[in-house]
Amino acid sequence: MKESELFQELQRLAETCGVTVSVVNLKKYSYAIESGMCKVGGKYRIFLDRHLHLSEKIDVLIEALQRLPIDTSGLKPDIKKLFTKEPLQSPPHEPVPTAPDA
C-alpha cells in the first residue's frame, strides 16, 4: 500500500472512531506545539503539523489511534496488522547451567 493510501485510510479510521484529524501549521505559534492527539471539548482530535513528511504524519496517526479501542474486523489487512497485538513470544527455554560439584 502506498504511503498516500495508508494516510487516507488512517484518516478514515480516525473519523470512524469519532476523532477529528487536522493538518495545520503548528510552526506559526510562538510556543512549542507537537503533532499528536488531545482532547478538546470532550472529543479527541489529532493535530498534524503540515511541515511533517508524510511518513511522520502516518507515524503520529498510528501512535494516536493505537491508544483507542478499535474494531479491526472490517479493516484492510495492511491497516489491521497495525492494530492487532501479537502475543509476545518467549525465547526458547535454555537449561540453567549448574555449578560443577566441588
N, C-alpha and C. Protein backbone atom coordinates (compact mmCIF):
# COMPACT_ATOMS: atom_id res chain seq x y z
N MET A 1 0.85 -1.17 0.00
CA MET A 1 0.00 0.00 0.00
C MET A 1 0.91 1.24 0.00
N LYS A 2 0.58 2.19 -0.85
CA LYS A 2 1.35 3.43 -0.93
C LYS A 2 1.13 4.27 0.33
N GLU A 3 2.14 5.10 0.64
CA GLU A 3 2.02 5.96 1.83
C GLU A 3 0.79 6.84 1.77
N SER A 4 0.50 7.40 0.59
CA SER A 4 -0.65 8.30 0.48
C SER A 4 -1.96 7.55 0.75
N GLU A 5 -2.05 6.30 0.29
CA GLU A 5 -3.25 5.49 0.55
C GLU A 5 -3.35 5.15 2.03
N LEU A 6 -2.23 4.80 2.63
CA LEU A 6 -2.20 4.46 4.05
C LEU A 6 -2.65 5.67 4.88
N PHE A 7 -2.15 6.84 4.53
CA PHE A 7 -2.52 8.07 5.23
C PHE A 7 -4.02 8.30 5.14
N GLN A 8 -4.59 8.15 3.95
CA GLN A 8 -6.03 8.35 3.78
C GLN A 8 -6.85 7.33 4.56
N GLU A 9 -6.39 6.07 4.55
CA GLU A 9 -7.10 5.02 5.30
C GLU A 9 -7.07 5.30 6.80
N LEU A 10 -5.92 5.76 7.29
CA LEU A 10 -5.81 6.08 8.72
C LEU A 10 -6.69 7.27 9.09
N GLN A 11 -6.78 8.26 8.20
CA GLN A 11 -7.68 9.39 8.45
C GLN A 11 -9.13 8.92 8.51
N ARG A 12 -9.51 8.04 7.60
CA ARG A 12 -10.88 7.50 7.60
C ARG A 12 -11.16 6.71 8.88
N LEU A 13 -10.17 5.93 9.29
CA LEU A 13 -10.33 5.15 10.52
C LEU A 13 -10.52 6.08 11.71
N ALA A 14 -9.75 7.14 11.77
CA ALA A 14 -9.89 8.11 12.86
C ALA A 14 -11.30 8.70 12.86
N GLU A 15 -11.79 9.08 11.69
CA GLU A 15 -13.13 9.66 11.60
C GLU A 15 -14.18 8.65 12.04
N THR A 16 -13.99 7.38 11.67
CA THR A 16 -14.90 6.32 12.09
C THR A 16 -14.94 6.19 13.61
N CYS A 17 -13.80 6.45 14.24
CA CYS A 17 -13.70 6.39 15.71
C CYS A 17 -14.16 7.69 16.37
N GLY A 18 -14.61 8.65 15.57
CA GLY A 18 -15.07 9.92 16.11
C GLY A 18 -13.96 10.90 16.42
N VAL A 19 -12.79 10.68 15.84
CA VAL A 19 -11.64 11.54 16.07
C VAL A 19 -11.44 12.44 14.86
N THR A 20 -11.36 13.74 15.09
CA THR A 20 -11.12 14.70 14.02
C THR A 20 -9.63 14.82 13.78
N VAL A 21 -9.21 14.73 12.52
CA VAL A 21 -7.81 14.89 12.15
C VAL A 21 -7.66 16.23 11.44
N SER A 22 -6.73 17.06 11.93
CA SER A 22 -6.48 18.37 11.34
C SER A 22 -5.01 18.49 10.99
N VAL A 23 -4.74 18.84 9.73
CA VAL A 23 -3.38 19.12 9.29
C VAL A 23 -3.23 20.64 9.31
N VAL A 24 -2.40 21.13 10.22
CA VAL A 24 -2.29 22.57 10.44
C VAL A 24 -0.83 23.00 10.52
N ASN A 25 -0.63 24.31 10.42
CA ASN A 25 0.71 24.88 10.54
C ASN A 25 0.99 25.13 12.02
N LEU A 26 1.69 24.19 12.67
CA LEU A 26 1.99 24.34 14.09
C LEU A 26 3.20 25.23 14.34
N LYS A 27 3.95 25.56 13.29
CA LYS A 27 5.14 26.39 13.45
C LYS A 27 4.78 27.88 13.62
N LYS A 28 3.54 28.25 13.33
CA LYS A 28 3.17 29.66 13.40
C LYS A 28 2.98 30.15 14.83
N TYR A 29 2.94 29.22 15.80
CA TYR A 29 2.76 29.61 17.19
C TYR A 29 4.11 29.90 17.83
N SER A 30 4.12 30.86 18.75
CA SER A 30 5.37 31.25 19.40
C SER A 30 5.80 30.24 20.47
N TYR A 31 4.94 29.31 20.82
CA TYR A 31 5.28 28.28 21.79
C TYR A 31 5.29 26.93 21.09
N ALA A 32 5.98 25.98 21.68
CA ALA A 32 6.17 24.68 21.04
C ALA A 32 4.90 23.84 21.13
N ILE A 33 4.42 23.44 19.98
CA ILE A 33 3.28 22.53 19.88
C ILE A 33 3.72 21.39 18.98
N GLU A 34 3.50 20.16 19.43
CA GLU A 34 3.88 19.00 18.64
C GLU A 34 2.63 18.32 18.10
N SER A 35 2.81 17.59 17.03
CA SER A 35 1.72 16.80 16.46
C SER A 35 1.34 15.70 17.45
N GLY A 36 0.05 15.37 17.48
CA GLY A 36 -0.41 14.31 18.35
C GLY A 36 -1.89 14.43 18.64
N MET A 37 -2.36 13.58 19.56
CA MET A 37 -3.77 13.55 19.90
C MET A 37 -4.00 14.25 21.23
N CYS A 38 -5.11 14.95 21.31
CA CYS A 38 -5.51 15.59 22.56
C CYS A 38 -7.03 15.58 22.62
N LYS A 39 -7.53 16.00 23.76
CA LYS A 39 -8.98 16.06 23.95
C LYS A 39 -9.38 17.52 24.03
N VAL A 40 -10.31 17.92 23.16
CA VAL A 40 -10.78 19.30 23.12
C VAL A 40 -12.30 19.26 23.25
N GLY A 41 -12.81 19.90 24.28
CA GLY A 41 -14.26 19.92 24.48
C GLY A 41 -14.86 18.54 24.63
N GLY A 42 -14.10 17.62 25.24
CA GLY A 42 -14.60 16.27 25.45
C GLY A 42 -14.45 15.34 24.26
N LYS A 43 -13.89 15.82 23.16
CA LYS A 43 -13.73 14.99 21.96
C LYS A 43 -12.25 14.93 21.59
N TYR A 44 -11.85 13.75 21.12
CA TYR A 44 -10.46 13.57 20.70
C TYR A 44 -10.21 14.23 19.35
N ARG A 45 -9.02 14.83 19.25
CA ARG A 45 -8.56 15.43 17.98
C ARG A 45 -7.11 15.05 17.78
N ILE A 46 -6.74 14.87 16.53
CA ILE A 46 -5.34 14.64 16.19
C ILE A 46 -4.89 15.81 15.34
N PHE A 47 -3.86 16.49 15.82
CA PHE A 47 -3.27 17.61 15.09
C PHE A 47 -1.97 17.14 14.46
N LEU A 48 -1.84 17.37 13.15
CA LEU A 48 -0.64 17.01 12.42
C LEU A 48 -0.03 18.28 11.84
N ASP A 49 1.24 18.50 12.13
CA ASP A 49 1.94 19.65 11.56
C ASP A 49 2.08 19.44 10.06
N ARG A 50 1.65 20.41 9.29
CA ARG A 50 1.70 20.26 7.84
C ARG A 50 3.12 20.20 7.31
N HIS A 51 4.11 20.58 8.12
CA HIS A 51 5.50 20.55 7.69
C HIS A 51 6.13 19.16 7.84
N LEU A 52 5.43 18.25 8.52
CA LEU A 52 5.96 16.90 8.67
C LEU A 52 5.94 16.16 7.34
N HIS A 53 6.91 15.27 7.15
CA HIS A 53 6.92 14.39 5.99
C HIS A 53 5.73 13.44 6.13
N LEU A 54 5.22 12.94 5.03
CA LEU A 54 4.05 12.07 5.05
C LEU A 54 4.27 10.86 5.97
N SER A 55 5.45 10.28 5.94
CA SER A 55 5.72 9.12 6.80
C SER A 55 5.64 9.49 8.28
N GLU A 56 6.03 10.70 8.63
CA GLU A 56 5.94 11.16 10.02
C GLU A 56 4.48 11.37 10.43
N LYS A 57 3.67 11.89 9.52
CA LYS A 57 2.24 12.07 9.80
C LYS A 57 1.59 10.71 10.03
N ILE A 58 1.99 9.73 9.23
CA ILE A 58 1.46 8.37 9.38
C ILE A 58 1.84 7.81 10.75
N ASP A 59 3.09 8.01 11.15
CA ASP A 59 3.55 7.53 12.46
C ASP A 59 2.73 8.14 13.59
N VAL A 60 2.46 9.44 13.50
CA VAL A 60 1.67 10.13 14.54
C VAL A 60 0.26 9.56 14.57
N LEU A 61 -0.34 9.36 13.41
CA LEU A 61 -1.70 8.80 13.35
C LEU A 61 -1.75 7.41 13.97
N ILE A 62 -0.79 6.56 13.60
CA ILE A 62 -0.78 5.19 14.13
C ILE A 62 -0.62 5.22 15.64
N GLU A 63 0.33 6.00 16.13
CA GLU A 63 0.57 6.07 17.58
C GLU A 63 -0.67 6.56 18.32
N ALA A 64 -1.34 7.55 17.77
CA ALA A 64 -2.55 8.08 18.42
C ALA A 64 -3.68 7.07 18.38
N LEU A 65 -3.91 6.46 17.23
CA LEU A 65 -5.02 5.53 17.09
C LEU A 65 -4.82 4.24 17.89
N GLN A 66 -3.57 3.85 18.11
CA GLN A 66 -3.31 2.65 18.89
C GLN A 66 -3.73 2.83 20.35
N ARG A 67 -3.94 4.04 20.78
CA ARG A 67 -4.39 4.31 22.15
C ARG A 67 -5.90 4.14 22.30
N LEU A 68 -6.60 3.96 21.20
CA LEU A 68 -8.06 3.85 21.22
C LEU A 68 -8.50 2.40 21.01
N PRO A 69 -9.68 2.06 21.53
CA PRO A 69 -10.22 0.72 21.23
C PRO A 69 -10.75 0.72 19.80
N ILE A 70 -10.18 -0.12 18.96
CA ILE A 70 -10.56 -0.13 17.55
C ILE A 70 -11.06 -1.52 17.17
N ASP A 71 -12.23 -1.56 16.51
CA ASP A 71 -12.75 -2.80 15.96
C ASP A 71 -12.03 -3.06 14.65
N THR A 72 -11.19 -4.08 14.62
CA THR A 72 -10.37 -4.36 13.44
C THR A 72 -11.04 -5.28 12.44
N SER A 73 -12.26 -5.72 12.72
CA SER A 73 -12.90 -6.73 11.87
C SER A 73 -13.11 -6.28 10.42
N GLY A 74 -13.38 -5.02 10.18
CA GLY A 74 -13.65 -4.58 8.81
C GLY A 74 -12.50 -3.86 8.14
N LEU A 75 -11.33 -3.89 8.76
CA LEU A 75 -10.19 -3.15 8.22
C LEU A 75 -9.45 -3.94 7.14
N LYS A 76 -8.83 -3.21 6.23
CA LYS A 76 -7.98 -3.84 5.24
C LYS A 76 -6.80 -4.50 5.95
N PRO A 77 -6.28 -5.59 5.41
CA PRO A 77 -5.19 -6.31 6.09
C PRO A 77 -3.99 -5.44 6.43
N ASP A 78 -3.60 -4.53 5.53
CA ASP A 78 -2.45 -3.66 5.81
C ASP A 78 -2.69 -2.76 7.00
N ILE A 79 -3.93 -2.34 7.20
CA ILE A 79 -4.28 -1.47 8.33
C ILE A 79 -4.49 -2.32 9.58
N LYS A 80 -5.14 -3.45 9.40
CA LYS A 80 -5.47 -4.32 10.53
C LYS A 80 -4.22 -4.74 11.30
N LYS A 81 -3.15 -5.06 10.58
CA LYS A 81 -1.95 -5.55 11.26
C LYS A 81 -1.31 -4.46 12.14
N LEU A 82 -1.60 -3.20 11.87
CA LEU A 82 -1.08 -2.11 12.70
C LEU A 82 -1.74 -2.07 14.08
N PHE A 83 -2.94 -2.65 14.17
CA PHE A 83 -3.72 -2.57 15.40
C PHE A 83 -4.00 -3.92 16.03
N THR A 84 -3.39 -4.97 15.50
CA THR A 84 -3.54 -6.30 16.07
C THR A 84 -2.32 -6.59 16.90
N LYS A 85 -2.53 -6.79 18.16
CA LYS A 85 -1.43 -7.06 19.06
C LYS A 85 -1.04 -8.54 18.97
N GLU A 86 0.18 -8.77 18.60
CA GLU A 86 0.70 -10.14 18.55
C GLU A 86 1.18 -10.51 19.96
N PRO A 87 0.90 -11.72 20.39
CA PRO A 87 1.41 -12.11 21.70
C PRO A 87 2.93 -12.17 21.67
N LEU A 88 3.54 -11.74 22.75
CA LEU A 88 4.99 -11.79 22.82
C LEU A 88 5.44 -13.24 22.87
N GLN A 89 6.44 -13.52 22.10
CA GLN A 89 6.98 -14.88 22.10
C GLN A 89 8.15 -14.93 23.06
N SER A 90 8.12 -15.90 23.93
CA SER A 90 9.24 -16.03 24.85
C SER A 90 10.36 -16.77 24.14
N PRO A 91 11.58 -16.45 24.50
CA PRO A 91 12.69 -17.13 23.86
C PRO A 91 12.66 -18.61 24.22
N PRO A 92 13.27 -19.45 23.39
CA PRO A 92 13.27 -20.88 23.71
C PRO A 92 13.91 -21.12 25.07
N HIS A 93 13.36 -22.09 25.76
CA HIS A 93 13.86 -22.39 27.10
C HIS A 93 15.27 -22.98 27.00
N GLU A 94 16.15 -22.38 27.76
CA GLU A 94 17.52 -22.90 27.82
C GLU A 94 17.75 -23.44 29.22
N PRO A 95 18.42 -24.57 29.33
CA PRO A 95 18.67 -25.09 30.66
C PRO A 95 19.59 -24.15 31.45
N VAL A 96 19.31 -24.04 32.71
CA VAL A 96 20.11 -23.19 33.58
C VAL A 96 21.40 -23.94 33.90
N PRO A 97 22.56 -23.30 33.64
CA PRO A 97 23.81 -24.01 33.95
C PRO A 97 23.94 -24.21 35.46
N THR A 98 24.46 -25.33 35.82
CA THR A 98 24.67 -25.61 37.25
C THR A 98 26.16 -25.57 37.55
N ALA A 99 26.46 -25.25 38.78
CA ALA A 99 27.87 -25.20 39.20
C ALA A 99 28.40 -26.63 39.30
N PRO A 100 29.64 -26.84 38.84
CA PRO A 100 30.21 -28.20 38.97
C PRO A 100 30.40 -28.56 40.43
N ASP A 101 30.23 -29.84 40.72
CA ASP A 101 30.42 -30.30 42.10
C ASP A 101 31.87 -30.11 42.51
N ALA A 102 32.05 -29.61 43.71
CA ALA A 102 33.41 -29.37 44.20
C ALA A 102 33.97 -30.53 44.95
